[in-house]
Amino acid sequence: MVKNFRIYKNFNLSKKDKEAIILIGNFDGLHRGHQKLFNKAKNFKKKFKLRIGVITFDPIPKMFFKKLHNYRLSNFDQKIQLFKKNYVDFIVNQKFDIKFSKISCFDFIKKILFNKIKPKYIFVSDNFRFGYKRAGDIKLLKSLEKDYGYKIINPSPLKSKRFVISSTLIRKNLEMGNLKKVKKFLGRNWCIEGRVEKGRQLGKKIGFPTCNIDIKNYKIPKIGVYAVKISSINKRKLKGIANIGYRPTFNQKKLILEVNIFNFSGNLYNKNLSIEFIEFIRGEKKFNGVLNLKKQIKIDCKKARAILSNE
C-alpha cells in the first residue's frame, strides 16, 4: 500500500510526479487483466526507481457519449483503494466532457503527455483509443516514441480460456448472475458500496427488516436474490441475503437493492455499507400474497446461510 497518495484533477503535476511510469485507461473494476498491467508497472518501478501514475477519466467516456447510468463495476473510492494496493503513487482523474473529447490525438500526445506529464514509460492495453473520434491508438503512440521520449509498454491481454478478461466480459456475467466467473475475472468478489436510505419498511412489517441501498451508477446484476457479505465503516463483516429488483409482490416499480443482515439489530440509516455478492440464489418473482413471500424468504435465508458457511 502506497503512502502519500495524490489525486490530481488536471495535468499540472508536481515536479516529483513527472517523468514517471504512466498507465492510461478507465480501469473499471481493476480486474485481473488490468492487474497484469499494474504488476508489470510495479516491476518497472522497482527496477528503474520511478513513480507510478494513472490517467483515468470521469465519467467513463462510454457513459458520457451514450448517456449510460447503471454501468460501473466500481465507484471512485473503490478504484482509489485498488490503485493504492497496486503501488500507484498518484492519479489524474480527468473530467471527461465535450471540451476534453474534442482534443485531437496529436494534441493529447504533444500538449498533455509531452508538455505536462513527460512520462518515461506509458502502459496501455491493446484496445486503447484516445483523442477526438478515438482516432489515436497504440500504433500512433509507438510511431512517436522517439519524437517525444517515452516508451510504450503493451503486454498481451490476459485470457480465460478463449475470452480476453475485460470489464465488458464481467458486466455480461453479472447480467447472467455468474458470480463465480465474476470473482475469477476480478480476483475478488464483486462489491457495491452505498448509503442506507429510508424506505417503506415493508421488510420490517413482514419480519425481515432490510437496509435499502442506493446503487447509484453501479452495473445492475441479474435481478433476484443473492447470498451476500456486508461490512460497515468499522470493517466488521456480517452475513446476509440481498434482493435487487422491483418487489413485484408489492407492485413496486423502482429498482431497489435491499439487504437483510443475519443476527443484527441496530439503526444503519445514512451509514455507508459495502455489499459483497457471493452467489445468486434465485430470480425475482411475484408471490400470491405476503404469507407465500415470507415462506420463500425463509427458504432463501436457509440457502444463503449454507452458502456463506463455506466462505
C-alpha atoms as a PDB file:
ATOM      1  CA  MET A   1       0.000   0.000   0.000  1.00  0.00           C
ATOM      2  CA  VAL A   2       1.408   3.363  -1.102  1.00  0.00           C
ATOM      3  CA  LYS A   3       1.744   6.237   1.382  1.00  0.00           C
ATOM      4  CA  ASN A   4       1.254   9.910   0.408  1.00  0.00           C
ATOM      5  CA  PHE A   5      -1.043   9.007  -2.489  1.00  0.00           C
ATOM      6  CA  ARG A   6      -2.054  12.070  -4.510  1.00  0.00           C
ATOM      7  CA  ILE A   7      -5.112  12.829  -6.652  1.00  0.00           C
ATOM      8  CA  TYR A   8      -4.865  15.454  -9.402  1.00  0.00           C
ATOM      9  CA  LYS A   9      -7.902  16.930 -11.140  1.00  0.00           C
ATOM     10  CA  ASN A  10      -5.832  18.253 -14.057  1.00  0.00           C
ATOM     11  CA  PHE A  11      -2.494  17.613 -15.767  1.00  0.00           C
ATOM     12  CA  ASN A  12      -0.469  20.153 -13.780  1.00  0.00           C
ATOM     13  CA  LEU A  13       1.751  17.694 -11.945  1.00  0.00           C
ATOM     14  CA  SER A  14       4.317  18.452  -9.288  1.00  0.00           C
ATOM     15  CA  LYS A  15       7.947  18.010 -10.306  1.00  0.00           C
ATOM     16  CA  LYS A  16       8.353  14.712  -8.462  1.00  0.00           C
ATOM     17  CA  ASP A  17       5.418  13.170 -10.388  1.00  0.00           C
ATOM     18  CA  LYS A  18       6.799  13.997 -13.816  1.00  0.00           C
ATOM     19  CA  GLU A  19       8.984  11.538 -15.745  1.00  0.00           C
ATOM     20  CA  ALA A  20       7.096   8.632 -14.211  1.00  0.00           C
ATOM     21  CA  ILE A  21       5.517   5.368 -15.345  1.00  0.00           C
ATOM     22  CA  ILE A  22       2.027   6.240 -16.618  1.00  0.00           C
ATOM     23  CA  LEU A  23      -0.921   3.887 -17.116  1.00  0.00           C
ATOM     24  CA  ILE A  24      -3.855   5.252 -19.114  1.00  0.00           C
ATOM     25  CA  GLY A  25      -7.384   3.841 -19.054  1.00  0.00           C
ATOM     26  CA  ASN A  26     -10.713   3.612 -17.255  1.00  0.00           C
ATOM     27  CA  PHE A  27      -9.668   0.569 -15.197  1.00  0.00           C
ATOM     28  CA  ASP A  28     -13.276  -0.067 -14.207  1.00  0.00           C
ATOM     29  CA  GLY A  29     -13.258  -2.852 -11.614  1.00  0.00           C
ATOM     30  CA  LEU A  30      -9.468  -3.152 -11.882  1.00  0.00           C
ATOM     31  CA  HIS A  31      -9.821  -6.801 -12.907  1.00  0.00           C
ATOM     32  CA  ARG A  32      -7.108  -9.421 -13.388  1.00  0.00           C
ATOM     33  CA  GLY A  33      -6.391  -8.192 -16.903  1.00  0.00           C
ATOM     34  CA  HIS A  34      -5.685  -4.721 -15.512  1.00  0.00           C
ATOM     35  CA  GLN A  35      -3.722  -6.252 -12.652  1.00  0.00           C
ATOM     36  CA  LYS A  36      -1.354  -7.890 -15.155  1.00  0.00           C
ATOM     37  CA  LEU A  37      -0.589  -4.404 -16.497  1.00  0.00           C
ATOM     38  CA  PHE A  38      -0.093  -2.995 -12.990  1.00  0.00           C
ATOM     39  CA  ASN A  39       2.154  -5.876 -11.922  1.00  0.00           C
ATOM     40  CA  LYS A  40       4.449  -5.204 -14.874  1.00  0.00           C
ATOM     41  CA  ALA A  41       4.449  -1.497 -13.994  1.00  0.00           C
ATOM     42  CA  LYS A  42       5.382  -2.423 -10.402  1.00  0.00           C
ATOM     43  CA  ASN A  43       8.406  -4.344 -11.726  1.00  0.00           C
ATOM     44  CA  PHE A  44       9.462  -1.292 -13.759  1.00  0.00           C
ATOM     45  CA  LYS A  45       9.005   0.891 -10.678  1.00  0.00           C
ATOM     46  CA  LYS A  46      11.356  -1.305  -8.675  1.00  0.00           C
ATOM     47  CA  LYS A  47      13.902  -1.680 -11.492  1.00  0.00           C
ATOM     48  CA  PHE A  48      14.086   1.971 -12.616  1.00  0.00           C
ATOM     49  CA  LYS A  49      13.211   3.694  -9.292  1.00  0.00           C
ATOM     50  CA  LEU A  50      10.294   5.578 -10.838  1.00  0.00           C
ATOM     51  CA  ARG A  51       6.873   6.583  -9.532  1.00  0.00           C
ATOM     52  CA  ILE A  52       3.641   5.137 -10.958  1.00  0.00           C
ATOM     53  CA  GLY A  53       0.801   7.383 -12.079  1.00  0.00           C
ATOM     54  CA  VAL A  54      -2.593   6.664 -13.638  1.00  0.00           C
ATOM     55  CA  ILE A  55      -4.560   8.849 -16.051  1.00  0.00           C
ATOM     56  CA  THR A  56      -8.229   7.935 -15.786  1.00  0.00           C
ATOM     57  CA  PHE A  57     -11.497   9.594 -16.782  1.00  0.00           C
ATOM     58  CA  ASP A  58     -14.720  10.579 -15.063  1.00  0.00           C
ATOM     59  CA  PRO A  59     -17.272   9.759 -16.248  1.00  0.00           C
ATOM     60  CA  ILE A  60     -16.165   6.758 -18.269  1.00  0.00           C
ATOM     61  CA  PRO A  61     -16.218   8.062 -21.896  1.00  0.00           C
ATOM     62  CA  LYS A  62     -18.752   5.437 -22.991  1.00  0.00           C
ATOM     63  CA  MET A  63     -21.109   6.587 -20.199  1.00  0.00           C
ATOM     64  CA  PHE A  64     -20.675  10.159 -21.388  1.00  0.00           C
ATOM     65  CA  PHE A  65     -21.307   9.557 -25.095  1.00  0.00           C
ATOM     66  CA  LYS A  66     -24.126   7.019 -24.715  1.00  0.00           C
ATOM     67  CA  LYS A  67     -25.657   8.660 -21.623  1.00  0.00           C
ATOM     68  CA  LEU A  68     -25.410   5.396 -19.661  1.00  0.00           C
ATOM     69  CA  HIS A  69     -26.282   5.254 -15.976  1.00  0.00           C
ATOM     70  CA  ASN A  70     -26.012   1.805 -14.404  1.00  0.00           C
ATOM     71  CA  TYR A  71     -22.692   0.792 -15.890  1.00  0.00           C
ATOM     72  CA  ARG A  72     -19.799   0.963 -13.390  1.00  0.00           C
ATOM     73  CA  LEU A  73     -18.182  -2.061 -11.769  1.00  0.00           C
ATOM     74  CA  SER A  74     -16.552   0.104  -9.103  1.00  0.00           C
ATOM     75  CA  ASN A  75     -17.047   3.587  -7.724  1.00  0.00           C
ATOM     76  CA  PHE A  76     -14.314   6.204  -7.354  1.00  0.00           C
ATOM     77  CA  ASP A  77     -13.421   5.342  -3.740  1.00  0.00           C
ATOM     78  CA  GLN A  78     -13.106   1.651  -4.595  1.00  0.00           C
ATOM     79  CA  LYS A  79     -10.836   2.474  -7.536  1.00  0.00           C
ATOM     80  CA  ILE A  80      -8.598   4.585  -5.322  1.00  0.00           C
ATOM     81  CA  GLN A  81      -8.171   1.742  -2.824  1.00  0.00           C
ATOM     82  CA  LEU A  82      -7.394  -0.681  -5.659  1.00  0.00           C
ATOM     83  CA  PHE A  83      -4.859   1.724  -7.169  1.00  0.00           C
ATOM     84  CA  LYS A  84      -3.117   2.048  -3.814  1.00  0.00           C
ATOM     85  CA  LYS A  85      -2.928  -1.734  -3.445  1.00  0.00           C
ATOM     86  CA  ASN A  86      -1.310  -1.856  -6.890  1.00  0.00           C
ATOM     87  CA  TYR A  87       1.533   0.523  -5.930  1.00  0.00           C
ATOM     88  CA  VAL A  88       0.178   3.603  -7.705  1.00  0.00           C
ATOM     89  CA  ASP A  89       1.626   6.862  -6.326  1.00  0.00           C
ATOM     90  CA  PHE A  90      -0.761   9.334  -7.944  1.00  0.00           C
ATOM     91  CA  ILE A  91      -3.673   9.606 -10.353  1.00  0.00           C
ATOM     92  CA  VAL A  92      -5.009  12.246 -12.713  1.00  0.00           C
ATOM     93  CA  ASN A  93      -8.792  11.983 -12.538  1.00  0.00           C
ATOM     94  CA  GLN A  94      -9.629  13.898 -15.695  1.00  0.00           C
ATOM     95  CA  LYS A  95     -13.162  15.202 -16.117  1.00  0.00           C
ATOM     96  CA  PHE A  96     -14.464  13.839 -19.419  1.00  0.00           C
ATOM     97  CA  ASP A  97     -16.678  16.423 -21.086  1.00  0.00           C
ATOM     98  CA  ILE A  98     -17.354  17.877 -24.546  1.00  0.00           C
ATOM     99  CA  LYS A  99     -14.268  20.101 -24.414  1.00  0.00           C
ATOM    100  CA  PHE A 100     -11.914  17.263 -23.476  1.00  0.00           C
ATOM    101  CA  SER A 101     -13.495  14.881 -26.001  1.00  0.00           C
ATOM    102  CA  LYS A 102     -12.561  17.253 -28.836  1.00  0.00           C
ATOM    103  CA  ILE A 103      -8.818  17.222 -28.142  1.00  0.00           C
ATOM    104  CA  SER A 104      -7.101  15.612 -31.122  1.00  0.00           C
ATOM    105  CA  CYS A 105      -4.933  12.539 -30.611  1.00  0.00           C
ATOM    106  CA  PHE A 106      -1.853  14.540 -31.679  1.00  0.00           C
ATOM    107  CA  ASP A 107      -2.597  17.352 -29.211  1.00  0.00           C
ATOM    108  CA  PHE A 108      -3.111  14.787 -26.456  1.00  0.00           C
ATOM    109  CA  ILE A 109       0.351  13.383 -27.120  1.00  0.00           C
ATOM    110  CA  LYS A 110       2.165  16.707 -27.575  1.00  0.00           C
ATOM    111  CA  LYS A 111       0.331  19.158 -25.300  1.00  0.00           C
ATOM    112  CA  ILE A 112      -0.617  16.807 -22.472  1.00  0.00           C
ATOM    113  CA  LEU A 113       1.705  13.793 -22.437  1.00  0.00           C
ATOM    114  CA  PHE A 114       4.882  15.518 -23.651  1.00  0.00           C
ATOM    115  CA  ASN A 115       4.472  19.083 -22.349  1.00  0.00           C
ATOM    116  CA  LYS A 116       2.879  18.307 -18.974  1.00  0.00           C
ATOM    117  CA  ILE A 117       3.326  14.646 -17.947  1.00  0.00           C
ATOM    118  CA  LYS A 118       6.683  13.828 -19.573  1.00  0.00           C
ATOM    119  CA  PRO A 119       6.363  10.066 -18.965  1.00  0.00           C
ATOM    120  CA  LYS A 120       9.299   7.680 -19.257  1.00  0.00           C
ATOM    121  CA  TYR A 121       7.023   4.693 -19.872  1.00  0.00           C
ATOM    122  CA  ILE A 122       3.374   4.524 -20.939  1.00  0.00           C
ATOM    123  CA  PHE A 123       1.426   1.338 -20.205  1.00  0.00           C
ATOM    124  CA  VAL A 124      -1.731   0.750 -22.243  1.00  0.00           C
ATOM    125  CA  SER A 125      -3.902  -2.183 -23.258  1.00  0.00           C
ATOM    126  CA  ASP A 126      -4.454  -3.436 -26.821  1.00  0.00           C
ATOM    127  CA  ASN A 127      -7.829  -1.744 -27.290  1.00  0.00           C
ATOM    128  CA  PHE A 128      -6.716   1.691 -26.053  1.00  0.00           C
ATOM    129  CA  ARG A 129      -8.099   4.563 -28.137  1.00  0.00           C
ATOM    130  CA  PHE A 130      -7.781   8.272 -27.486  1.00  0.00           C
ATOM    131  CA  GLY A 131      -8.358  11.696 -28.994  1.00  0.00           C
ATOM    132  CA  TYR A 132     -11.224  13.157 -30.968  1.00  0.00           C
ATOM    133  CA  LYS A 133     -13.369  10.404 -32.515  1.00  0.00           C
ATOM    134  CA  ARG A 134     -10.996   7.803 -30.982  1.00  0.00           C
ATOM    135  CA  ALA A 135      -8.508   8.473 -33.769  1.00  0.00           C
ATOM    136  CA  GLY A 136      -5.419   7.629 -31.701  1.00  0.00           C
ATOM    137  CA  ASP A 137      -4.227   4.095 -30.948  1.00  0.00           C
ATOM    138  CA  ILE A 138      -1.145   2.132 -29.862  1.00  0.00           C
ATOM    139  CA  LYS A 139       0.286   2.203 -33.368  1.00  0.00           C
ATOM    140  CA  LEU A 140       0.287   6.009 -33.329  1.00  0.00           C
ATOM    141  CA  LEU A 141       1.780   6.177 -29.831  1.00  0.00           C
ATOM    142  CA  LYS A 142       4.594   3.812 -30.828  1.00  0.00           C
ATOM    143  CA  SER A 143       5.350   5.749 -34.007  1.00  0.00           C
ATOM    144  CA  LEU A 144       6.066   8.874 -31.925  1.00  0.00           C
ATOM    145  CA  GLU A 145       8.168   7.267 -29.172  1.00  0.00           C
ATOM    146  CA  LYS A 146      11.476   8.775 -30.343  1.00  0.00           C
ATOM    147  CA  ASP A 147       9.977  12.206 -31.030  1.00  0.00           C
ATOM    148  CA  TYR A 148       8.592  12.577 -27.518  1.00  0.00           C
ATOM    149  CA  GLY A 149      10.968  10.476 -25.437  1.00  0.00           C
ATOM    150  CA  TYR A 150       8.660   7.839 -23.994  1.00  0.00           C
ATOM    151  CA  LYS A 151       8.479   4.068 -24.381  1.00  0.00           C
ATOM    152  CA  ILE A 152       5.171   2.215 -24.899  1.00  0.00           C
ATOM    153  CA  ILE A 153       4.653  -0.962 -22.873  1.00  0.00           C
ATOM    154  CA  ASN A 154       1.798  -3.099 -24.146  1.00  0.00           C
ATOM    155  CA  PRO A 155       1.627  -6.556 -22.524  1.00  0.00           C
ATOM    156  CA  SER A 156      -0.520  -9.208 -24.197  1.00  0.00           C
ATOM    157  CA  PRO A 157      -4.096  -9.333 -22.819  1.00  0.00           C
ATOM    158  CA  LEU A 158      -4.935 -11.858 -20.116  1.00  0.00           C
ATOM    159  CA  LYS A 159      -7.284 -14.614 -21.286  1.00  0.00           C
ATOM    160  CA  SER A 160      -9.564 -17.073 -19.542  1.00  0.00           C
ATOM    161  CA  LYS A 161      -9.907 -19.977 -21.977  1.00  0.00           C
ATOM    162  CA  ARG A 162     -10.717 -18.229 -25.271  1.00  0.00           C
ATOM    163  CA  PHE A 163     -12.025 -14.980 -23.753  1.00  0.00           C
ATOM    164  CA  VAL A 164      -9.995 -11.845 -23.058  1.00  0.00           C
ATOM    165  CA  ILE A 165     -10.696 -10.748 -19.484  1.00  0.00           C
ATOM    166  CA  SER A 166     -12.329  -7.325 -19.731  1.00  0.00           C
ATOM    167  CA  SER A 167     -14.781  -5.076 -17.911  1.00  0.00           C
ATOM    168  CA  THR A 168     -17.304  -5.818 -20.679  1.00  0.00           C
ATOM    169  CA  LEU A 169     -16.983  -9.578 -20.090  1.00  0.00           C
ATOM    170  CA  ILE A 170     -17.523  -9.065 -16.354  1.00  0.00           C
ATOM    171  CA  ARG A 171     -20.639  -6.941 -16.949  1.00  0.00           C
ATOM    172  CA  LYS A 172     -22.085  -9.679 -19.178  1.00  0.00           C
ATOM    173  CA  ASN A 173     -21.505 -12.287 -16.480  1.00  0.00           C
ATOM    174  CA  LEU A 174     -23.123 -10.048 -13.852  1.00  0.00           C
ATOM    175  CA  GLU A 175     -26.194  -9.818 -16.086  1.00  0.00           C
ATOM    176  CA  MET A 176     -26.330 -13.636 -16.106  1.00  0.00           C
ATOM    177  CA  GLY A 177     -25.726 -13.989 -12.352  1.00  0.00           C
ATOM    178  CA  ASN A 178     -22.454 -15.881 -12.940  1.00  0.00           C
ATOM    179  CA  LEU A 179     -20.736 -14.679  -9.788  1.00  0.00           C
ATOM    180  CA  LYS A 180     -18.133 -17.456  -9.746  1.00  0.00           C
ATOM    181  CA  LYS A 181     -16.856 -16.262 -13.115  1.00  0.00           C
ATOM    182  CA  VAL A 182     -17.056 -12.628 -11.987  1.00  0.00           C
ATOM    183  CA  LYS A 183     -14.919 -13.494  -8.954  1.00  0.00           C
ATOM    184  CA  LYS A 184     -12.467 -15.378 -11.159  1.00  0.00           C
ATOM    185  CA  PHE A 185     -12.094 -12.418 -13.539  1.00  0.00           C
ATOM    186  CA  LEU A 186     -11.897  -9.752 -10.811  1.00  0.00           C
ATOM    187  CA  GLY A 187      -9.706 -11.769  -8.455  1.00  0.00           C
ATOM    188  CA  ARG A 188     -12.184 -10.981  -5.650  1.00  0.00           C
ATOM    189  CA  ASN A 189     -15.931 -10.857  -5.014  1.00  0.00           C
ATOM    190  CA  TRP A 190     -17.836  -8.075  -6.756  1.00  0.00           C
ATOM    191  CA  CYS A 191     -18.924  -5.405  -4.308  1.00  0.00           C
ATOM    192  CA  ILE A 192     -21.329  -2.445  -4.204  1.00  0.00           C
ATOM    193  CA  GLU A 193     -20.792   0.423  -1.771  1.00  0.00           C
ATOM    194  CA  GLY A 194     -23.726   2.630  -0.907  1.00  0.00           C
ATOM    195  CA  ARG A 195     -25.606   4.632   1.680  1.00  0.00           C
ATOM    196  CA  VAL A 196     -28.558   3.155   3.583  1.00  0.00           C
ATOM    197  CA  GLU A 197     -31.726   5.049   2.683  1.00  0.00           C
ATOM    198  CA  LYS A 198     -35.061   5.311   4.438  1.00  0.00           C
ATOM    199  CA  GLY A 199     -37.563   3.014   2.732  1.00  0.00           C
ATOM    200  CA  ARG A 200     -41.192   1.992   3.210  1.00  0.00           C
ATOM    201  CA  GLN A 201     -40.156  -0.562   5.883  1.00  0.00           C
ATOM    202  CA  LEU A 202     -42.055  -3.325   4.088  1.00  0.00           C
ATOM    203  CA  GLY A 203     -39.416  -5.888   5.102  1.00  0.00           C
ATOM    204  CA  LYS A 204     -39.720  -4.979   8.757  1.00  0.00           C
ATOM    205  CA  LYS A 205     -43.513  -5.340   8.601  1.00  0.00           C
ATOM    206  CA  ILE A 206     -43.223  -8.953   7.406  1.00  0.00           C
ATOM    207  CA  GLY A 207     -40.453  -9.919   9.850  1.00  0.00           C
ATOM    208  CA  PHE A 208     -37.399  -9.428   7.632  1.00  0.00           C
ATOM    209  CA  PRO A 209     -36.042  -5.894   8.170  1.00  0.00           C
ATOM    210  CA  THR A 210     -33.840  -4.703   5.333  1.00  0.00           C
ATOM    211  CA  CYS A 211     -31.371  -1.934   4.529  1.00  0.00           C
ATOM    212  CA  ASN A 212     -32.222  -0.125   1.297  1.00  0.00           C
ATOM    213  CA  ILE A 213     -29.006   0.719  -0.540  1.00  0.00           C
ATOM    214  CA  ASP A 214     -28.621   3.454  -3.148  1.00  0.00           C
ATOM    215  CA  ILE A 215     -26.778   1.724  -6.028  1.00  0.00           C
ATOM    216  CA  LYS A 216     -26.169   4.961  -7.963  1.00  0.00           C
ATOM    217  CA  ASN A 217     -24.302   4.189 -11.224  1.00  0.00           C
ATOM    218  CA  TYR A 218     -23.298   0.600 -10.495  1.00  0.00           C
ATOM    219  CA  LYS A 219     -23.959  -2.094 -13.059  1.00  0.00           C
ATOM    220  CA  ILE A 220     -27.241  -3.861 -12.296  1.00  0.00           C
ATOM    221  CA  PRO A 221     -26.617  -7.604 -11.900  1.00  0.00           C
ATOM    222  CA  LYS A 222     -29.199 -10.277 -12.703  1.00  0.00           C
ATOM    223  CA  ILE A 223     -32.444  -9.365 -10.950  1.00  0.00           C
ATOM    224  CA  GLY A 224     -33.092 -11.615  -7.972  1.00  0.00           C
ATOM    225  CA  VAL A 225     -31.851 -12.897  -4.624  1.00  0.00           C
ATOM    226  CA  TYR A 226     -28.214 -13.257  -3.538  1.00  0.00           C
ATOM    227  CA  ALA A 227     -26.159 -14.532  -0.619  1.00  0.00           C
ATOM    228  CA  VAL A 228     -24.034 -11.566   0.473  1.00  0.00           C
ATOM    229  CA  LYS A 229     -21.475 -10.353   2.972  1.00  0.00           C
ATOM    230  CA  ILE A 230     -21.865  -6.905   4.485  1.00  0.00           C
ATOM    231  CA  SER A 231     -19.280  -4.650   6.054  1.00  0.00           C
ATOM    232  CA  SER A 232     -19.554  -1.165   7.502  1.00  0.00           C
ATOM    233  CA  ILE A 233     -17.041   1.556   8.277  1.00  0.00           C
ATOM    234  CA  ASN A 234     -15.612  -0.400  11.222  1.00  0.00           C
ATOM    235  CA  LYS A 235     -14.843  -3.250   8.773  1.00  0.00           C
ATOM    236  CA  ARG A 236     -16.853  -5.808  10.747  1.00  0.00           C
ATOM    237  CA  LYS A 237     -18.066  -8.452   8.265  1.00  0.00           C
ATOM    238  CA  LEU A 238     -21.624  -9.697   8.572  1.00  0.00           C
ATOM    239  CA  LYS A 239     -23.628 -12.196   6.528  1.00  0.00           C
ATOM    240  CA  GLY A 240     -26.994 -11.783   4.917  1.00  0.00           C
ATOM    241  CA  ILE A 241     -29.266 -12.003   1.938  1.00  0.00           C
ATOM    242  CA  ALA A 242     -29.963  -9.361  -0.698  1.00  0.00           C
ATOM    243  CA  ASN A 243     -32.671  -8.768  -3.256  1.00  0.00           C
ATOM    244  CA  ILE A 244     -32.127  -6.494  -6.204  1.00  0.00           C
ATOM    245  CA  GLY A 245     -35.321  -5.892  -8.097  1.00  0.00           C
ATOM    246  CA  TYR A 246     -38.747  -4.288  -8.142  1.00  0.00           C
ATOM    247  CA  ARG A 247     -40.619  -6.109  -5.326  1.00  0.00           C
ATOM    248  CA  PRO A 248     -43.446  -7.277  -7.638  1.00  0.00           C
ATOM    249  CA  THR A 249     -45.480  -8.745  -4.733  1.00  0.00           C
ATOM    250  CA  PHE A 250     -45.913  -5.148  -3.515  1.00  0.00           C
ATOM    251  CA  ASN A 251     -46.399  -3.749  -7.043  1.00  0.00           C
ATOM    252  CA  GLN A 252     -43.281  -1.578  -6.855  1.00  0.00           C
ATOM    253  CA  LYS A 253     -41.774  -0.043  -9.995  1.00  0.00           C
ATOM    254  CA  LYS A 254     -38.497   1.446  -8.706  1.00  0.00           C
ATOM    255  CA  LEU A 255     -35.388  -0.752  -8.771  1.00  0.00           C
ATOM    256  CA  ILE A 256     -34.005  -1.248  -5.287  1.00  0.00           C
ATOM    257  CA  LEU A 257     -31.229  -3.155  -3.532  1.00  0.00           C
ATOM    258  CA  GLU A 258     -32.396  -4.331  -0.119  1.00  0.00           C
ATOM    259  CA  VAL A 259     -30.293  -6.334   2.310  1.00  0.00           C
ATOM    260  CA  ASN A 260     -31.374  -8.411   5.303  1.00  0.00           C
ATOM    261  CA  ILE A 261     -28.448  -8.839   7.728  1.00  0.00           C
ATOM    262  CA  PHE A 262     -28.469 -12.063   9.752  1.00  0.00           C
ATOM    263  CA  ASN A 263     -28.351 -11.774  13.560  1.00  0.00           C
ATOM    264  CA  PHE A 264     -28.191  -7.991  13.570  1.00  0.00           C
ATOM    265  CA  SER A 265     -30.251  -5.254  15.146  1.00  0.00           C
ATOM    266  CA  GLY A 266     -29.479  -1.569  15.056  1.00  0.00           C
ATOM    267  CA  ASN A 267     -30.002   1.668  13.169  1.00  0.00           C
ATOM    268  CA  LEU A 268     -27.976   1.884   9.954  1.00  0.00           C
ATOM    269  CA  TYR A 269     -29.780   4.787   8.271  1.00  0.00           C
ATOM    270  CA  ASN A 270     -27.348   7.075   6.412  1.00  0.00           C
ATOM    271  CA  LYS A 271     -24.472   4.679   7.088  1.00  0.00           C
ATOM    272  CA  ASN A 272     -22.252   3.534   4.225  1.00  0.00           C
ATOM    273  CA  LEU A 273     -22.246  -0.218   3.686  1.00  0.00           C
ATOM    274  CA  SER A 274     -20.236  -2.490   1.441  1.00  0.00           C
ATOM    275  CA  ILE A 275     -22.257  -5.356  -0.069  1.00  0.00           C
ATOM    276  CA  GLU A 276     -20.179  -8.282  -1.340  1.00  0.00           C
ATOM    277  CA  PHE A 277     -22.090 -10.528  -3.756  1.00  0.00           C
ATOM    278  CA  ILE A 278     -21.255 -14.202  -3.129  1.00  0.00           C
ATOM    279  CA  GLU A 279     -23.791 -16.342  -5.004  1.00  0.00           C
ATOM    280  CA  PHE A 280     -27.021 -15.964  -6.969  1.00  0.00           C
ATOM    281  CA  ILE A 281     -29.896 -17.888  -5.316  1.00  0.00           C
ATOM    282  CA  ARG A 282     -32.974 -17.322  -7.487  1.00  0.00           C
ATOM    283  CA  GLY A 283     -34.713 -14.872  -9.787  1.00  0.00           C
ATOM    284  CA  GLU A 284     -37.295 -12.392  -8.542  1.00  0.00           C
ATOM    285  CA  LYS A 285     -40.946 -13.457  -8.761  1.00  0.00           C
ATOM    286  CA  LYS A 286     -44.369 -12.203  -7.771  1.00  0.00           C
ATOM    287  CA  PHE A 287     -45.964 -14.195  -4.951  1.00  0.00           C
ATOM    288  CA  ASN A 288     -49.627 -14.763  -4.317  1.00  0.00           C
ATOM    289  CA  GLY A 289     -49.748 -12.897  -1.017  1.00  0.00           C
ATOM    290  CA  VAL A 290     -47.350 -11.957   1.772  1.00  0.00           C
ATOM    291  CA  LEU A 291     -47.509 -15.383   3.508  1.00  0.00           C
ATOM    292  CA  ASN A 292     -46.112 -17.120   0.423  1.00  0.00           C
ATOM    293  CA  LEU A 293     -43.413 -14.461   0.164  1.00  0.00           C
ATOM    294  CA  LYS A 294     -42.420 -14.981   3.813  1.00  0.00           C
ATOM    295  CA  LYS A 295     -42.212 -18.750   3.259  1.00  0.00           C
ATOM    296  CA  GLN A 296     -39.898 -18.238   0.299  1.00  0.00           C
ATOM    297  CA  ILE A 297     -37.701 -15.732   2.176  1.00  0.00           C
ATOM    298  CA  LYS A 298     -37.181 -18.312   4.936  1.00  0.00           C
ATOM    299  CA  ILE A 299     -36.078 -20.840   2.306  1.00  0.00           C
ATOM    300  CA  ASP A 300     -33.789 -18.230   0.715  1.00  0.00           C
ATOM    301  CA  CYS A 301     -32.228 -17.380   4.093  1.00  0.00           C
ATOM    302  CA  LYS A 302     -31.551 -21.059   4.781  1.00  0.00           C
ATOM    303  CA  LYS A 303     -29.829 -21.404   1.404  1.00  0.00           C
ATOM    304  CA  ALA A 304     -27.816 -18.228   1.951  1.00  0.00           C
ATOM    305  CA  ARG A 305     -26.621 -19.392   5.391  1.00  0.00           C
ATOM    306  CA  ALA A 306     -25.485 -22.701   3.871  1.00  0.00           C
ATOM    307  CA  ILE A 307     -23.610 -20.908   1.078  1.00  0.00           C
ATOM    308  CA  LEU A 308     -21.993 -18.425   3.462  1.00  0.00           C
ATOM    309  CA  SER A 309     -20.956 -21.115   5.954  1.00  0.00           C
ATOM    310  CA  ASN A 310     -18.271 -22.104   3.436  1.00  0.00           C
ATOM    311  CA  GLU A 311     -17.000 -18.560   2.994  1.00  0.00           C
END
